[in-house]
Amino acid sequence: MVDPIIFSDKVVDNYNISLPDEIVDALKSVKDPEIPVDIYELGLIYDVKVIESHIDVKMTLTAPGCPVAGTLPRMVELALLTVEGINTAKVEVIWEPPWNSSMMSEEARLELGME
């Protein structure tokens, strides 16, 4: 058994965890349909683990009643499968800690006119 490469067990952006550019680019390609910002900059990605050619991602949504709760995780999986060397992907939606606007990157805040 190969040990997983664990990139974060905390909110990725808030802790300046370094993910490979290809994974970040894949995550940034997925936008929250309600907010015109990608899920990475919004701070929705909480955990990323890579085990050989498999990637596990734990993420949250901006609100429990988010209308894309049923489709956004699959969109993230499909984006991650475009990364060279990733053959399988699993995305799990978690609710702890609850998302709030302080989890957004400075780039997201600027894009939304919050700074």
Protein backbone atom coordinates (compact mmCIF):
# COMPACT_ATOMS: atom_id res chain seq x y z
CA MET A 1 0.00 0.00 0.00
CA VAL A 2 1.30 3.41 -0.95
CA ASP A 3 1.00 6.15 1.65
CA PRO A 4 -1.23 8.99 0.51
CA ILE A 5 0.22 12.36 -0.30
CA ILE A 6 -1.77 14.65 1.96
CA PHE A 7 -1.78 18.24 0.89
CA SER A 8 -4.07 19.60 3.56
CA ASP A 9 -6.34 18.69 6.42
CA LYS A 10 -7.37 22.30 6.74
CA VAL A 11 -8.76 24.95 4.41
CA VAL A 12 -6.22 25.06 1.59
CA ASP A 13 -6.04 28.81 0.93
CA ASN A 14 -6.06 29.91 4.55
CA TYR A 15 -2.97 27.84 5.30
CA ASN A 16 -1.02 28.46 2.08
CA ILE A 17 -0.76 24.73 1.42
CA SER A 18 1.12 24.07 -1.80
CA LEU A 19 -0.82 21.94 -4.27
CA PRO A 20 0.58 20.95 -7.67
CA ASP A 21 -0.34 23.58 -10.26
CA GLU A 22 -2.26 21.05 -12.36
CA ILE A 23 -4.58 20.23 -9.46
CA VAL A 24 -5.07 23.90 -8.58
CA ASP A 25 -5.82 24.69 -12.24
CA ALA A 26 -8.39 21.88 -12.38
CA LEU A 27 -10.08 23.14 -9.20
CA LYS A 28 -10.02 26.72 -10.49
CA SER A 29 -11.78 25.61 -13.67
CA VAL A 30 -14.95 24.92 -11.66
CA LYS A 31 -16.99 28.02 -10.87
CA ASP A 32 -19.71 28.35 -8.28
CA PRO A 33 -22.79 29.02 -10.46
CA GLU A 34 -24.25 31.45 -7.92
CA ILE A 35 -21.06 33.43 -7.33
CA PRO A 36 -18.86 34.18 -10.36
CA VAL A 37 -15.70 32.89 -8.65
CA ASP A 38 -14.01 29.49 -8.80
CA ILE A 39 -14.34 27.02 -5.93
CA TYR A 40 -10.63 27.17 -5.08
CA GLU A 41 -10.53 30.94 -4.60
CA LEU A 42 -13.84 30.81 -2.71
CA GLY A 43 -12.14 28.56 -0.15
CA LEU A 44 -14.50 25.64 -0.67
CA ILE A 45 -11.69 23.06 -0.85
CA TYR A 46 -10.86 21.68 2.60
CA ASP A 47 -8.74 18.59 1.95
CA VAL A 48 -6.85 17.00 -0.94
CA LYS A 49 -5.18 13.57 -0.87
CA VAL A 50 -3.50 11.81 -3.77
CA ILE A 51 -2.84 8.06 -3.60
CA GLU A 52 -1.05 6.90 -6.73
CA SER A 53 -3.49 7.79 -9.55
CA HIS A 54 -6.49 8.47 -7.27
CA ILE A 55 -7.45 11.83 -5.75
CA ASP A 56 -9.79 12.40 -2.80
CA VAL A 57 -11.15 15.88 -2.20
CA LYS A 58 -13.24 17.14 0.69
CA MET A 59 -15.05 20.35 -0.04
CA THR A 60 -17.96 22.36 1.19
CA LEU A 61 -20.58 24.57 -0.39
CA THR A 62 -21.44 28.18 0.35
CA ALA A 63 -24.73 27.11 1.96
CA PRO A 64 -26.40 23.80 2.89
CA GLY A 65 -29.34 24.61 0.62
CA CYS A 66 -27.08 25.30 -2.37
CA PRO A 67 -29.05 24.40 -5.52
CA VAL A 68 -25.98 22.79 -7.15
CA ALA A 69 -25.22 20.47 -4.22
CA GLY A 70 -26.15 17.49 -6.37
CA THR A 71 -24.08 18.46 -9.41
CA LEU A 72 -21.07 20.49 -8.24
CA PRO A 73 -19.14 17.53 -6.73
CA ARG A 74 -19.39 15.66 -10.04
CA MET A 75 -18.20 18.76 -11.90
CA VAL A 76 -15.15 18.84 -9.60
CA GLU A 77 -14.47 15.12 -10.16
CA LEU A 78 -14.60 15.58 -13.94
CA ALA A 79 -12.24 18.55 -13.74
CA LEU A 80 -9.76 16.58 -11.61
CA LEU A 81 -9.83 13.69 -14.09
CA THR A 82 -8.29 16.04 -16.68
CA VAL A 83 -5.07 16.16 -14.60
CA GLU A 84 -2.36 13.98 -16.09
CA GLY A 85 -1.78 10.93 -13.89
CA ILE A 86 -5.17 11.10 -12.15
CA ASN A 87 -7.39 8.19 -13.20
CA THR A 88 -10.02 8.22 -10.46
CA ALA A 89 -11.45 10.99 -8.31
CA LYS A 90 -13.82 11.15 -5.37
CA VAL A 91 -15.29 14.37 -4.03
CA GLU A 92 -17.05 14.44 -0.68
CA VAL A 93 -19.10 17.41 0.51
CA ILE A 94 -18.64 18.16 4.20
CA TRP A 95 -20.18 20.88 6.35
CA GLU A 96 -17.61 21.34 9.13
CA PRO A 97 -16.27 23.87 9.42
CA PRO A 98 -19.12 25.86 7.90
CA TRP A 99 -18.02 28.04 5.01
CA ASN A 100 -17.93 31.80 5.51
CA SER A 101 -16.60 34.70 3.47
CA SER A 102 -13.38 34.89 5.50
CA MET A 103 -12.32 31.68 3.74
CA MET A 104 -12.16 33.42 0.37
CA SER A 105 -8.81 34.41 -1.06
CA GLU A 106 -7.90 38.04 -1.56
CA GLU A 107 -8.32 37.45 -5.30
CA ALA A 108 -11.93 36.30 -4.77
CA ARG A 109 -12.69 39.27 -2.53
CA LEU A 110 -11.33 41.67 -5.14
CA GLU A 111 -13.28 39.95 -7.90
CA LEU A 112 -16.48 40.35 -5.88
CA GLY A 113 -15.71 43.95 -4.92
CA MET A 114 -15.36 43.14 -1.22
CA GLU A 115 -12.00 44.89 -0.64
